[in-house]
Amino acid sequence: MAIIGARPATLWGIPLRLRRRVSPPPRPGARRRGGSMSRVDASSLGALIAAAVVLALFYLTQSTQVAAMGYQIAQLEAELAERRAAQQQLIWEIGRARSPAEIEARARSELRLKPLKPDVIRFAPLSTEIDR
Protein backbone atom coordinates (compact mmCIF):
# COMPACT_ATOMS: atom_id res chain seq x y z
CA MET A 1 0.00 0.00 0.00
CA ALA A 2 1.43 3.38 -0.98
CA ILE A 3 1.07 6.51 1.07
CA ILE A 4 0.04 9.61 -0.79
CA GLY A 5 2.75 12.30 -0.70
CA ALA A 6 5.44 9.95 0.62
CA ARG A 7 9.00 10.64 -0.51
CA PRO A 8 12.00 8.39 -0.50
CA ALA A 9 14.37 8.93 2.44
CA THR A 10 17.41 10.99 1.38
CA LEU A 11 20.33 12.71 3.07
CA TRP A 12 21.31 15.84 1.11
CA GLY A 13 19.91 14.31 -2.03
CA ILE A 14 21.62 10.94 -1.53
CA PRO A 15 19.19 8.04 -1.15
CA LEU A 16 19.49 6.33 2.21
CA ARG A 17 18.24 2.99 0.99
CA LEU A 18 20.17 1.47 -1.79
CA ARG A 19 18.08 -0.39 -4.30
CA ARG A 20 19.47 -3.45 -5.89
CA ARG A 21 19.48 -3.15 -9.56
CA VAL A 22 18.59 -6.30 -11.34
CA SER A 23 20.85 -6.84 -14.27
CA PRO A 24 19.69 -8.74 -17.30
CA PRO A 25 20.97 -12.27 -17.66
CA PRO A 26 24.41 -12.40 -19.26
CA ARG A 27 24.60 -12.97 -22.97
CA PRO A 28 26.27 -16.11 -24.10
CA GLY A 29 30.01 -15.53 -24.67
CA ALA A 30 30.04 -12.14 -22.93
CA ARG A 31 32.42 -11.51 -20.02
CA ARG A 32 30.92 -10.87 -16.68
CA ARG A 33 31.76 -7.68 -14.77
CA GLY A 34 33.38 -7.76 -11.34
CA GLY A 35 30.44 -6.49 -9.26
CA SER A 36 26.96 -5.10 -9.21
CA MET A 37 26.07 -1.40 -9.37
CA SER A 38 24.77 -1.36 -5.81
CA ARG A 39 28.27 -2.11 -4.50
CA VAL A 40 29.68 0.79 -6.49
CA ASP A 41 26.95 3.08 -5.19
CA ALA A 42 27.51 1.94 -1.60
CA SER A 43 31.26 2.46 -1.79
CA SER A 44 30.78 5.88 -3.40
CA LEU A 45 28.36 6.82 -0.66
CA GLY A 46 30.80 5.62 2.01
CA ALA A 47 33.65 7.57 0.43
CA LEU A 48 31.46 10.65 0.22
CA ILE A 49 30.48 10.39 3.88
CA ALA A 50 34.10 9.79 4.91
CA ALA A 51 35.22 12.84 2.92
CA ALA A 52 32.49 14.96 4.52
CA VAL A 53 33.55 13.82 8.01
CA VAL A 54 37.21 14.58 7.27
CA LEU A 55 36.32 18.04 5.96
CA ALA A 56 34.13 18.74 9.00
CA LEU A 57 36.92 17.72 11.38
CA PHE A 58 39.43 19.84 9.46
CA TYR A 59 37.10 22.84 9.65
CA LEU A 60 36.55 22.28 13.37
CA THR A 61 40.27 22.07 14.15
CA GLN A 62 41.04 25.15 12.06
CA SER A 63 38.31 27.24 13.67
CA THR A 64 39.45 26.11 17.14
CA GLN A 65 43.04 27.08 16.36
CA VAL A 66 41.95 30.49 15.05
CA ALA A 67 39.93 31.15 18.22
CA ALA A 68 42.84 30.09 20.44
CA MET A 69 45.21 32.33 18.48
CA GLY A 70 42.77 35.22 18.91
CA TYR A 71 42.79 34.73 22.67
CA GLN A 72 46.60 34.65 22.69
CA ILE A 73 46.77 37.87 20.66
CA ALA A 74 44.36 39.62 23.03
CA GLN A 75 46.38 38.44 26.04
CA LEU A 76 49.66 39.65 24.51
CA GLU A 77 48.13 43.03 23.61
CA ALA A 78 46.97 43.47 27.21
CA GLU A 79 50.45 42.55 28.48
CA LEU A 80 52.03 45.02 26.04
CA ALA A 81 49.76 47.82 27.25
CA GLU A 82 50.63 46.99 30.86
CA ARG A 83 54.36 47.08 30.13
CA ARG A 84 54.09 50.36 28.25
CA ALA A 85 52.33 51.88 31.27
CA ALA A 86 55.10 50.58 33.54
CA GLN A 87 57.69 52.06 31.17
CA GLN A 88 55.99 55.47 31.32
CA GLN A 89 55.95 55.26 35.12
CA LEU A 90 59.70 54.53 35.17
CA ILE A 91 60.44 57.42 32.79
CA TRP A 92 58.48 59.75 35.10
CA GLU A 93 60.42 58.50 38.15
CA ILE A 94 63.77 59.00 36.36
CA GLY A 95 62.80 62.57 35.47
CA ARG A 96 61.78 63.28 39.06
CA ALA A 97 65.03 61.79 40.43
CA ARG A 98 67.11 64.00 38.10
CA SER A 99 65.46 67.23 39.17
CA PRO A 100 67.74 69.66 41.09
CA ALA A 101 65.29 69.93 43.98
CA GLU A 102 65.28 66.15 44.45
CA ILE A 103 69.08 65.97 44.23
CA GLU A 104 69.42 68.69 46.87
CA ALA A 105 66.91 67.01 49.18
CA ARG A 106 68.72 63.67 48.93
CA ALA A 107 72.12 65.31 49.50
CA ARG A 108 70.84 66.90 52.71
CA SER A 109 68.96 63.87 54.04
CA GLU A 110 71.02 60.84 52.95
CA LEU A 111 74.54 62.31 52.69
CA ARG A 112 74.06 64.97 55.39
CA LEU A 113 75.59 67.67 53.20
CA LYS A 114 75.10 71.35 53.97
CA PRO A 115 75.23 74.25 51.54
CA LEU A 116 78.46 76.27 51.50
CA LYS A 117 78.60 79.87 52.62
CA PRO A 118 79.13 82.27 49.72
CA ASP A 119 82.36 83.76 51.17
CA VAL A 120 84.04 80.31 51.18
CA ILE A 121 83.52 79.73 47.46
CA ARG A 122 86.46 80.70 45.20
CA PHE A 123 86.38 80.47 41.47
CA ALA A 124 89.44 79.53 39.43
CA PRO A 125 90.77 82.33 37.25
CA LEU A 126 90.12 82.13 33.54
CA SER A 127 93.06 81.29 31.31
CA THR A 128 93.15 84.82 29.93
CA GLU A 129 93.71 86.23 33.42
CA ILE A 130 96.64 83.83 34.00
CA ASP A 131 98.42 84.88 30.82
CA ARG A 132 98.63 88.54 31.89
C-alpha atoms as a PDB file:
ATOM      1  CA  MET A   1       0.000   0.000   0.000  1.00  0.00           C
ATOM      2  CA  ALA A   2       1.430   3.377  -0.981  1.00  0.00           C
ATOM      3  CA  ILE A   3       1.071   6.512   1.073  1.00  0.00           C
ATOM      4  CA  ILE A   4       0.043   9.615  -0.788  1.00  0.00           C
ATOM      5  CA  GLY A   5       2.755  12.296  -0.697  1.00  0.00           C
ATOM      6  CA  ALA A   6       5.445   9.949   0.622  1.00  0.00           C
ATOM      7  CA  ARG A   7       8.999  10.639  -0.514  1.00  0.00           C
ATOM      8  CA  PRO A   8      12.004   8.393  -0.502  1.00  0.00           C
ATOM      9  CA  ALA A   9      14.374   8.925   2.439  1.00  0.00           C
ATOM     10  CA  THR A  10      17.405  10.987   1.384  1.00  0.00           C
ATOM     11  CA  LEU A  11      20.334  12.709   3.072  1.00  0.00           C
ATOM     12  CA  TRP A  12      21.311  15.839   1.114  1.00  0.00           C
ATOM     13  CA  GLY A  13      19.911  14.307  -2.025  1.00  0.00           C
ATOM     14  CA  ILE A  14      21.621  10.939  -1.527  1.00  0.00           C
ATOM     15  CA  PRO A  15      19.193   8.039  -1.145  1.00  0.00           C
ATOM     16  CA  LEU A  16      19.487   6.326   2.213  1.00  0.00           C
ATOM     17  CA  ARG A  17      18.236   2.991   0.995  1.00  0.00           C
ATOM     18  CA  LEU A  18      20.167   1.469  -1.794  1.00  0.00           C
ATOM     19  CA  ARG A  19      18.085  -0.393  -4.302  1.00  0.00           C
ATOM     20  CA  ARG A  20      19.472  -3.454  -5.886  1.00  0.00           C
ATOM     21  CA  ARG A  21      19.481  -3.148  -9.560  1.00  0.00           C
ATOM     22  CA  VAL A  22      18.587  -6.295 -11.339  1.00  0.00           C
ATOM     23  CA  SER A  23      20.846  -6.839 -14.267  1.00  0.00           C
ATOM     24  CA  PRO A  24      19.686  -8.736 -17.296  1.00  0.00           C
ATOM     25  CA  PRO A  25      20.972 -12.274 -17.660  1.00  0.00           C
ATOM     26  CA  PRO A  26      24.406 -12.395 -19.264  1.00  0.00           C
ATOM     27  CA  ARG A  27      24.602 -12.973 -22.971  1.00  0.00           C
ATOM     28  CA  PRO A  28      26.270 -16.107 -24.100  1.00  0.00           C
ATOM     29  CA  GLY A  29      30.006 -15.528 -24.673  1.00  0.00           C
ATOM     30  CA  ALA A  30      30.036 -12.137 -22.930  1.00  0.00           C
ATOM     31  CA  ARG A  31      32.418 -11.515 -20.023  1.00  0.00           C
ATOM     32  CA  ARG A  32      30.921 -10.873 -16.681  1.00  0.00           C
ATOM     33  CA  ARG A  33      31.760  -7.685 -14.770  1.00  0.00           C
ATOM     34  CA  GLY A  34      33.377  -7.756 -11.339  1.00  0.00           C
ATOM     35  CA  GLY A  35      30.441  -6.491  -9.262  1.00  0.00           C
ATOM     36  CA  SER A  36      26.957  -5.097  -9.208  1.00  0.00           C
ATOM     37  CA  MET A  37      26.073  -1.400  -9.373  1.00  0.00           C
ATOM     38  CA  SER A  38      24.767  -1.357  -5.813  1.00  0.00           C
ATOM     39  CA  ARG A  39      28.271  -2.106  -4.502  1.00  0.00           C
ATOM     40  CA  VAL A  40      29.680   0.788  -6.492  1.00  0.00           C
ATOM     41  CA  ASP A  41      26.947   3.080  -5.191  1.00  0.00           C
ATOM     42  CA  ALA A  42      27.507   1.940  -1.596  1.00  0.00           C
ATOM     43  CA  SER A  43      31.257   2.460  -1.795  1.00  0.00           C
ATOM     44  CA  SER A  44      30.775   5.875  -3.397  1.00  0.00           C
ATOM     45  CA  LEU A  45      28.358   6.820  -0.656  1.00  0.00           C
ATOM     46  CA  GLY A  46      30.799   5.619   2.008  1.00  0.00           C
ATOM     47  CA  ALA A  47      33.647   7.565   0.430  1.00  0.00           C
ATOM     48  CA  LEU A  48      31.462  10.655   0.220  1.00  0.00           C
ATOM     49  CA  ILE A  49      30.481  10.387   3.880  1.00  0.00           C
ATOM     50  CA  ALA A  50      34.098   9.794   4.914  1.00  0.00           C
ATOM     51  CA  ALA A  51      35.223  12.836   2.917  1.00  0.00           C
ATOM     52  CA  ALA A  52      32.489  14.959   4.522  1.00  0.00           C
ATOM     53  CA  VAL A  53      33.550  13.816   8.008  1.00  0.00           C
ATOM     54  CA  VAL A  54      37.212  14.584   7.268  1.00  0.00           C
ATOM     55  CA  LEU A  55      36.317  18.038   5.958  1.00  0.00           C
ATOM     56  CA  ALA A  56      34.128  18.740   8.997  1.00  0.00           C
ATOM     57  CA  LEU A  57      36.919  17.715  11.384  1.00  0.00           C
ATOM     58  CA  PHE A  58      39.432  19.836   9.459  1.00  0.00           C
ATOM     59  CA  TYR A  59      37.102  22.844   9.653  1.00  0.00           C
ATOM     60  CA  LEU A  60      36.554  22.280  13.371  1.00  0.00           C
ATOM     61  CA  THR A  61      40.268  22.069  14.155  1.00  0.00           C
ATOM     62  CA  GLN A  62      41.039  25.145  12.065  1.00  0.00           C
ATOM     63  CA  SER A  63      38.310  27.242  13.674  1.00  0.00           C
ATOM     64  CA  THR A  64      39.451  26.110  17.138  1.00  0.00           C
ATOM     65  CA  GLN A  65      43.043  27.084  16.362  1.00  0.00           C
ATOM     66  CA  VAL A  66      41.947  30.489  15.051  1.00  0.00           C
ATOM     67  CA  ALA A  67      39.931  31.146  18.216  1.00  0.00           C
ATOM     68  CA  ALA A  68      42.844  30.091  20.440  1.00  0.00           C
ATOM     69  CA  MET A  69      45.211  32.329  18.477  1.00  0.00           C
ATOM     70  CA  GLY A  70      42.773  35.225  18.906  1.00  0.00           C
ATOM     71  CA  TYR A  71      42.789  34.727  22.671  1.00  0.00           C
ATOM     72  CA  GLN A  72      46.602  34.654  22.692  1.00  0.00           C
ATOM     73  CA  ILE A  73      46.772  37.870  20.664  1.00  0.00           C
ATOM     74  CA  ALA A  74      44.361  39.621  23.027  1.00  0.00           C
ATOM     75  CA  GLN A  75      46.381  38.438  26.036  1.00  0.00           C
ATOM     76  CA  LEU A  76      49.659  39.655  24.507  1.00  0.00           C
ATOM     77  CA  GLU A  77      48.129  43.027  23.609  1.00  0.00           C
ATOM     78  CA  ALA A  78      46.973  43.474  27.211  1.00  0.00           C
ATOM     79  CA  GLU A  79      50.450  42.551  28.483  1.00  0.00           C
ATOM     80  CA  LEU A  80      52.028  45.018  26.040  1.00  0.00           C
ATOM     81  CA  ALA A  81      49.756  47.822  27.247  1.00  0.00           C
ATOM     82  CA  GLU A  82      50.630  46.991  30.856  1.00  0.00           C
ATOM     83  CA  ARG A  83      54.361  47.081  30.133  1.00  0.00           C
ATOM     84  CA  ARG A  84      54.091  50.360  28.249  1.00  0.00           C
ATOM     85  CA  ALA A  85      52.328  51.876  31.275  1.00  0.00           C
ATOM     86  CA  ALA A  86      55.104  50.579  33.541  1.00  0.00           C
ATOM     87  CA  GLN A  87      57.692  52.065  31.168  1.00  0.00           C
ATOM     88  CA  GLN A  88      55.992  55.469  31.319  1.00  0.00           C
ATOM     89  CA  GLN A  89      55.950  55.258  35.124  1.00  0.00           C
ATOM     90  CA  LEU A  90      59.704  54.526  35.172  1.00  0.00           C
ATOM     91  CA  ILE A  91      60.439  57.421  32.788  1.00  0.00           C
ATOM     92  CA  TRP A  92      58.485  59.749  35.097  1.00  0.00           C
ATOM     93  CA  GLU A  93      60.417  58.495  38.147  1.00  0.00           C
ATOM     94  CA  ILE A  94      63.767  59.003  36.359  1.00  0.00           C
ATOM     95  CA  GLY A  95      62.799  62.565  35.474  1.00  0.00           C
ATOM     96  CA  ARG A  96      61.777  63.283  39.056  1.00  0.00           C
ATOM     97  CA  ALA A  97      65.025  61.791  40.431  1.00  0.00           C
ATOM     98  CA  ARG A  98      67.106  63.996  38.104  1.00  0.00           C
ATOM     99  CA  SER A  99      65.459  67.234  39.168  1.00  0.00           C
ATOM    100  CA  PRO A 100      67.737  69.659  41.088  1.00  0.00           C
ATOM    101  CA  ALA A 101      65.288  69.930  43.985  1.00  0.00           C
ATOM    102  CA  GLU A 102      65.282  66.147  44.445  1.00  0.00           C
ATOM    103  CA  ILE A 103      69.077  65.965  44.225  1.00  0.00           C
ATOM    104  CA  GLU A 104      69.420  68.689  46.866  1.00  0.00           C
ATOM    105  CA  ALA A 105      66.906  67.007  49.177  1.00  0.00           C
ATOM    106  CA  ARG A 106      68.721  63.669  48.927  1.00  0.00           C
ATOM    107  CA  ALA A 107      72.119  65.310  49.505  1.00  0.00           C
ATOM    108  CA  ARG A 108      70.844  66.902  52.710  1.00  0.00           C
ATOM    109  CA  SER A 109      68.964  63.868  54.044  1.00  0.00           C
ATOM    110  CA  GLU A 110      71.018  60.842  52.951  1.00  0.00           C
ATOM    111  CA  LEU A 111      74.538  62.311  52.694  1.00  0.00           C
ATOM    112  CA  ARG A 112      74.056  64.971  55.393  1.00  0.00           C
ATOM    113  CA  LEU A 113      75.592  67.665  53.198  1.00  0.00           C
ATOM    114  CA  LYS A 114      75.104  71.353  53.969  1.00  0.00           C
ATOM    115  CA  PRO A 115      75.228  74.250  51.537  1.00  0.00           C
ATOM    116  CA  LEU A 116      78.457  76.271  51.500  1.00  0.00           C
ATOM    117  CA  LYS A 117      78.603  79.869  52.621  1.00  0.00           C
ATOM    118  CA  PRO A 118      79.130  82.275  49.725  1.00  0.00           C
ATOM    119  CA  ASP A 119      82.361  83.756  51.167  1.00  0.00           C
ATOM    120  CA  VAL A 120      84.044  80.308  51.182  1.00  0.00           C
ATOM    121  CA  ILE A 121      83.519  79.734  47.459  1.00  0.00           C
ATOM    122  CA  ARG A 122      86.461  80.699  45.195  1.00  0.00           C
ATOM    123  CA  PHE A 123      86.379  80.466  41.467  1.00  0.00           C
ATOM    124  CA  ALA A 124      89.444  79.533  39.434  1.00  0.00           C
ATOM    125  CA  PRO A 125      90.767  82.325  37.251  1.00  0.00           C
ATOM    126  CA  LEU A 126      90.121  82.129  33.538  1.00  0.00           C
ATOM    127  CA  SER A 127      93.057  81.286  31.306  1.00  0.00           C
ATOM    128  CA  THR A 128      93.148  84.825  29.932  1.00  0.00           C
ATOM    129  CA  GLU A 129      93.712  86.233  33.418  1.00  0.00           C
ATOM    130  CA  ILE A 130      96.636  83.826  34.004  1.00  0.00           C
ATOM    131  CA  ASP A 131      98.419  84.881  30.821  1.00  0.00           C
ATOM    132  CA  ARG A 132      98.631  88.537  31.885  1.00  0.00           C
END
